Protein backbone atom coordinates (compact mmCIF):
# COMPACT_ATOMS: atom_id res chain seq x y z
CA UNK A 1 106.24 116.14 118.25
CA UNK A 2 107.58 113.58 115.78
CA UNK A 3 107.02 114.08 112.08
CA UNK A 4 105.36 111.39 110.00
CA UNK A 5 108.29 110.42 107.77
CA UNK A 6 106.46 107.43 106.33
CA UNK A 7 103.91 109.74 104.71
CA UNK A 8 106.64 111.91 103.18
CA UNK A 9 108.18 108.89 101.45
CA UNK A 10 104.96 107.94 99.71
CA UNK A 11 103.72 111.39 98.67
CA UNK A 12 105.37 111.17 95.24
CA UNK A 13 103.68 107.87 94.36
CA UNK A 14 100.46 108.37 92.34
CA UNK A 15 97.30 106.81 93.72
CA UNK A 16 95.83 106.12 90.29
CA UNK A 17 97.40 105.63 86.91
CA UNK A 18 94.96 106.85 84.25
CA UNK A 19 97.33 106.08 81.41
CA UNK A 20 96.74 102.35 81.72
CA UNK A 21 93.04 102.55 82.59
CA UNK A 22 90.83 100.32 80.47
CA UNK A 23 88.21 103.04 79.95
CA UNK A 24 90.63 105.76 78.93
CA UNK A 25 91.16 105.08 75.19
CA UNK A 26 93.92 107.65 75.22
CA UNK A 27 94.80 109.22 71.90
CA UNK A 28 97.84 111.18 73.13
CA UNK A 29 99.32 112.98 76.15
CA UNK A 30 99.86 116.70 76.50
CA UNK A 31 103.61 117.33 76.33
CA UNK A 32 104.21 119.35 79.48
CA UNK A 33 101.34 118.44 81.83
CA UNK A 34 101.11 114.76 80.77
CA UNK A 35 97.30 115.01 80.73
CA UNK A 36 95.73 112.13 78.77
CA UNK A 37 93.58 113.26 75.83
CA UNK A 38 90.90 110.70 74.85
CA UNK A 39 90.19 109.76 71.26
CA UNK A 40 87.35 111.41 69.35
CA UNK A 41 84.89 108.58 69.96
CA UNK A 42 85.22 108.92 73.72
CA UNK A 43 84.75 112.70 73.51
CA UNK A 44 81.53 112.21 71.54
CA UNK A 45 80.30 109.59 74.02
CA UNK A 46 81.00 111.94 76.93
CA UNK A 47 79.14 114.81 75.24
CA UNK A 48 76.17 112.57 74.47
CA UNK A 49 76.07 111.39 78.09
CA UNK A 50 76.13 114.97 79.39
CA UNK A 51 73.43 116.08 76.93
CA UNK A 52 71.08 113.22 77.90
CA UNK A 53 71.61 113.66 81.65
CA UNK A 54 71.03 117.40 81.93
CA UNK A 55 68.11 118.56 84.04
């Protein structure tokens, strides 16, 4: 059975790039994990959205 070498080449390429996303409003990135941390306004908006949409 032949291996799918085409897939192996493209596994390292990210599907999405959240750093350049328009909705991200990134304040900074975590140093090791490179996780984007949103600014305080976006955190408040997210909390408000969760609070209003709870059942």
